[in-house]
Amino acid sequence: MEDIPPVRPRPTGLMRLLVRAPVLLYRVGLGGLLGGNTLLLTTTGRRSGRPRVVPLDYREEGGAFYLIPEQSTHSSWYRNVIAHPEVEVQVGWKRLAGVATPVTDPQEKAHVLRLFADRSASLAERYYGIPRNASDEDLLALAPQRAVVAVRPRSA
C-alpha cells in the first residue's frame, strides 16, 4: 500500500463528536435528513474483525460512490477497506452491499477530485487539499498525492 501523507490531522475532542454526529442521526432513523452529501460506510476492522461505521462525504457517478480519505492512506477506514473490501453503504434510508477499491488511474482520480472541487471549492481545499480554481493539469499532478476509493454495488 502506497503511503500518502494526510492533508489534515485526525479530529479530537469536541470536533470528533461533531464529525461523528451523522452516525447518531442515521441510527435514530434521521439519516435521510442529512441531504445528499453524507453516507455511512461500514467496513470490517482489519484487526478486530468487527463492523466499523464512519460518516463520509461522497460524490456519486456512474453507479459508484467516490470517497476521499482526509487522512489519506492513514485513515482507519481506508486501511480497513484495503484489508476487507466488502463494505456496506447507507445513503439516507437506502442500504447496499458493495466492494470498495482504491482508484489507481491518475485520470480517474483527477476526475473525482474535480467532482469534489466543483461541489464546494472551499471544503475541497480545506479537507482534501484541492486548490481553489485548480486546472485539469493541476488535478492530474495532484492525483498521485491523494487516495481515492470507489465503492461499487456488489454483483449478485
Protein backbone atom coordinates (compact mmCIF):
# COMPACT_ATOMS: atom_id res chain seq x y z
CA MET A 1 0.00 0.00 0.00
CA GLU A 2 1.35 3.37 -1.05
CA ASP A 3 1.80 5.72 1.92
CA ILE A 4 0.36 9.17 1.19
CA PRO A 5 0.65 11.81 3.94
CA PRO A 6 -2.56 13.20 5.45
CA VAL A 7 -3.94 16.59 4.44
CA ARG A 8 -5.34 17.30 7.92
CA PRO A 9 -4.78 15.81 11.38
CA ARG A 10 -7.39 13.48 12.88
CA PRO A 11 -10.16 15.34 14.74
CA THR A 12 -10.07 15.11 18.54
CA GLY A 13 -12.26 16.20 21.43
CA LEU A 14 -15.42 18.13 20.60
CA MET A 15 -14.63 18.16 16.87
CA ARG A 16 -14.55 14.33 16.86
CA LEU A 17 -18.03 14.30 18.43
CA LEU A 18 -19.33 16.70 15.78
CA VAL A 19 -17.81 14.63 12.99
CA ARG A 20 -19.50 11.50 14.39
CA ALA A 21 -22.95 13.18 14.75
CA PRO A 22 -24.23 11.83 11.40
CA VAL A 23 -23.81 8.26 12.71
CA LEU A 24 -26.16 9.08 15.58
CA LEU A 25 -28.69 10.68 13.21
CA TYR A 26 -28.63 7.58 10.98
CA ARG A 27 -29.04 5.27 14.00
CA VAL A 28 -32.15 7.09 15.26
CA GLY A 29 -33.68 6.95 11.79
CA LEU A 30 -33.00 10.52 10.72
CA GLY A 31 -30.21 9.82 8.22
CA GLY A 32 -32.42 10.89 5.35
CA LEU A 33 -32.38 14.43 6.72
CA LEU A 34 -28.63 14.82 6.11
CA GLY A 35 -29.09 15.54 2.44
CA GLY A 36 -27.08 14.17 -0.43
CA ASN A 37 -23.53 14.72 0.83
CA THR A 38 -23.05 12.25 3.68
CA LEU A 39 -23.13 8.49 3.63
CA LEU A 40 -22.31 5.88 6.25
CA LEU A 41 -19.62 3.40 5.29
CA THR A 42 -19.49 0.16 7.27
CA THR A 43 -16.19 -1.66 7.00
CA THR A 44 -14.77 -4.70 8.75
CA GLY A 45 -11.97 -3.86 11.19
CA ARG A 46 -8.66 -5.11 9.85
CA ARG A 47 -7.53 -6.29 13.30
CA SER A 48 -10.72 -6.80 15.29
CA GLY A 49 -12.94 -8.16 12.52
CA ARG A 50 -15.79 -6.09 13.99
CA PRO A 51 -18.00 -3.72 11.98
CA ARG A 52 -16.77 -0.12 11.91
CA VAL A 53 -19.03 2.74 10.83
CA VAL A 54 -17.81 6.11 9.61
CA PRO A 55 -19.71 9.08 8.09
CA LEU A 56 -18.08 10.32 4.89
CA ASP A 57 -18.57 12.99 2.27
CA TYR A 58 -19.09 11.40 -1.14
CA ARG A 59 -19.80 12.01 -4.79
CA GLU A 60 -21.81 9.56 -6.88
CA GLU A 61 -21.28 9.00 -10.57
CA GLY A 62 -21.94 6.08 -12.88
CA GLY A 63 -23.33 3.90 -10.10
CA ALA A 64 -20.19 4.28 -7.96
CA PHE A 65 -19.71 6.20 -4.73
CA TYR A 66 -16.38 8.03 -4.64
CA LEU A 67 -14.68 8.77 -1.32
CA ILE A 68 -11.51 10.70 -0.43
CA PRO A 69 -9.98 9.94 2.98
CA GLU A 70 -8.96 13.14 4.79
CA GLN A 71 -6.02 11.35 6.42
CA SER A 72 -5.22 9.71 3.08
CA THR A 73 -3.76 6.20 3.44
CA HIS A 74 -3.51 6.80 7.21
CA SER A 75 -7.31 6.78 7.65
CA SER A 76 -8.52 3.77 9.60
CA TRP A 77 -11.46 3.20 7.26
CA TYR A 78 -9.12 3.26 4.25
CA ARG A 79 -6.84 0.63 5.78
CA ASN A 80 -9.90 -1.47 6.70
CA VAL A 81 -11.08 -1.30 3.07
CA ILE A 82 -7.68 -2.47 1.84
CA ALA A 83 -7.83 -5.46 4.20
CA HIS A 84 -11.55 -6.23 3.67
CA PRO A 85 -13.05 -4.64 0.52
CA GLU A 86 -16.59 -5.92 1.19
CA VAL A 87 -18.48 -2.93 2.65
CA GLU A 88 -21.97 -1.62 3.26
CA VAL A 89 -23.08 1.88 2.25
CA GLN A 90 -26.08 3.70 3.66
CA VAL A 91 -27.33 6.82 1.91
CA GLY A 92 -30.44 8.24 3.52
CA TRP A 93 -32.70 5.28 4.17
CA LYS A 94 -31.16 3.13 1.43
CA ARG A 95 -28.54 0.46 2.21
CA LEU A 96 -26.49 -1.53 -0.24
CA ALA A 97 -23.64 -4.02 -0.15
CA GLY A 98 -20.61 -3.02 -2.15
CA VAL A 99 -16.99 -3.61 -2.96
CA ALA A 100 -14.53 -0.82 -2.24
CA THR A 101 -11.41 -0.49 -4.35
CA PRO A 102 -8.70 2.17 -4.42
CA VAL A 103 -8.67 4.20 -7.62
CA THR A 104 -5.23 3.94 -9.21
CA ASP A 105 -5.75 5.55 -12.62
CA PRO A 106 -4.50 9.18 -12.43
CA GLN A 107 -7.10 10.38 -14.96
CA GLU A 108 -9.96 8.87 -12.92
CA LYS A 109 -8.51 10.29 -9.69
CA ALA A 110 -8.25 13.75 -11.25
CA HIS A 111 -11.87 13.47 -12.41
CA VAL A 112 -13.00 12.56 -8.87
CA LEU A 113 -11.00 15.45 -7.42
CA ARG A 114 -12.83 17.71 -9.90
CA LEU A 115 -16.20 16.32 -8.71
CA PHE A 116 -15.34 17.26 -5.12
CA ALA A 117 -13.92 20.67 -6.09
CA ASP A 118 -16.97 21.54 -8.21
CA ARG A 119 -19.34 20.75 -5.34
CA SER A 120 -17.59 23.05 -2.86
CA ALA A 121 -14.22 24.62 -3.60
CA SER A 122 -13.67 25.82 -0.03
CA LEU A 123 -14.41 22.43 1.55
CA ALA A 124 -12.36 20.60 -1.09
CA GLU A 125 -9.42 22.85 -0.30
CA ARG A 126 -9.81 22.58 3.46
CA TYR A 127 -10.42 18.83 3.79
CA TYR A 128 -8.76 17.31 0.73
CA GLY A 129 -6.06 19.81 -0.20
CA ILE A 130 -7.55 20.56 -3.62
CA PRO A 131 -6.57 24.15 -4.53
CA ARG A 132 -9.33 26.57 -5.49
CA ASN A 133 -9.62 27.13 -9.22
CA ALA A 134 -7.32 24.17 -9.92
CA SER A 135 -6.93 23.43 -13.61
CA ASP A 136 -7.28 19.93 -15.03
CA GLU A 137 -3.47 19.79 -15.27
CA ASP A 138 -3.18 20.78 -11.58
CA LEU A 139 -5.58 18.00 -10.60
CA LEU A 140 -3.70 15.46 -12.71
CA ALA A 141 -0.48 16.47 -10.96
CA LEU A 142 -2.19 16.25 -7.56
CA ALA A 143 -3.77 12.84 -8.24
CA PRO A 144 -0.78 10.69 -7.16
CA GLN A 145 -0.73 12.53 -3.81
CA ARG A 146 -4.38 11.76 -2.95
CA ALA A 147 -6.04 8.48 -2.07
CA VAL A 148 -9.43 7.91 -3.72
CA VAL A 149 -11.79 4.95 -3.19
CA ALA A 150 -14.63 3.80 -5.42
CA VAL A 151 -17.46 1.78 -3.88
CA ARG A 152 -19.49 -0.15 -6.44
CA PRO A 153 -22.56 -2.26 -5.69
CA ARG A 154 -21.75 -5.92 -5.26
CA SER A 155 -22.84 -8.10 -8.16
CA ALA A 156 -25.47 -10.66 -7.22
